[in-house]
Amino acid sequence: MATIESDYGRSRFAIEGYNFFGIRTYDLTKSHIKPKGYKNPRFGLIKFKHICESVDYTVWTLND
């Protein structure tokens, strides 16, 4: 799943925010990265502090 979403870890979101799973947030008060090509996006991709945080969040989301 992470391979496809992050293009083998080469995507901007994976490099800048450790977001390997393409997890969006609509709460723009959280740390996030805005996607390019959108003039005024209502969402961003969550910016994680560490790779493990991204994996933990994804596992929690899938189990919730």
Protein backbone atom coordinates (compact mmCIF):
# COMPACT_ATOMS: atom_id res chain seq x y z
CA MET A 1 0.00 0.00 0.00
CA ALA A 2 2.78 2.44 0.91
CA THR A 3 4.69 1.55 -2.24
CA ILE A 4 1.85 2.65 -4.48
CA GLU A 5 0.85 5.74 -2.50
CA SER A 6 4.39 7.08 -2.10
CA ASP A 7 5.97 5.90 -5.36
CA TYR A 8 8.51 3.80 -3.45
CA GLY A 9 9.11 6.64 -0.98
CA ARG A 10 9.94 9.17 -3.69
CA SER A 11 6.80 11.32 -3.45
CA ARG A 12 6.93 14.82 -2.05
CA PHE A 13 4.59 13.82 0.78
CA ALA A 14 6.80 10.88 1.78
CA ILE A 15 9.97 12.96 1.70
CA GLU A 16 8.66 16.13 3.36
CA GLY A 17 6.14 14.67 5.79
CA TYR A 18 6.75 10.93 6.14
CA ASN A 19 3.25 10.38 4.76
CA PHE A 20 3.70 7.10 2.90
CA PHE A 21 0.00 6.24 2.77
CA GLY A 22 -1.57 9.39 1.30
CA ILE A 23 -3.53 10.18 4.47
CA ARG A 24 -5.52 13.39 4.14
CA THR A 25 -6.72 15.76 6.81
CA TYR A 26 -9.53 18.27 6.58
CA ASP A 27 -8.48 19.86 9.89
CA LEU A 28 -6.03 22.41 8.55
CA THR A 29 -4.92 23.38 12.06
CA LYS A 30 -2.92 20.11 12.13
CA SER A 31 0.51 20.00 10.58
CA HIS A 32 -0.04 19.24 6.88
CA ILE A 33 1.30 19.60 3.36
CA LYS A 34 -0.90 21.16 0.71
CA PRO A 35 -1.08 19.40 -2.65
CA LYS A 36 0.23 21.22 -5.70
CA GLY A 37 -2.16 22.11 -8.49
CA TYR A 38 -5.02 23.18 -6.24
CA LYS A 39 -5.67 26.91 -5.91
CA ASN A 40 -7.39 26.75 -2.53
CA PRO A 41 -7.55 23.17 -1.24
CA ARG A 42 -9.86 22.32 1.65
CA PHE A 43 -7.56 19.50 2.67
CA GLY A 44 -3.91 18.68 3.16
CA LEU A 45 -1.88 15.55 3.67
CA ILE A 46 -0.87 14.94 7.26
CA LYS A 47 2.75 15.75 8.03
CA PHE A 48 4.16 13.15 10.41
CA LYS A 49 7.25 13.58 12.59
CA HIS A 50 8.58 10.07 11.95
CA ILE A 51 7.96 7.08 9.67
CA CYS A 52 6.66 5.00 12.58
CA GLU A 53 4.01 7.62 13.35
CA SER A 54 2.69 7.28 9.80
CA VAL A 55 2.52 3.48 10.08
CA ASP A 56 0.87 3.61 13.53
CA TYR A 57 -1.77 6.05 12.28
CA THR A 58 -2.55 3.88 9.26
CA VAL A 59 -2.86 0.71 11.36
CA TRP A 60 -5.11 2.56 13.81
CA THR A 61 -7.28 3.86 10.94
CA LEU A 62 -7.65 0.40 9.41
CA ASN A 63 -8.57 -1.15 12.76
CA ASP A 64 -10.98 1.58 13.83
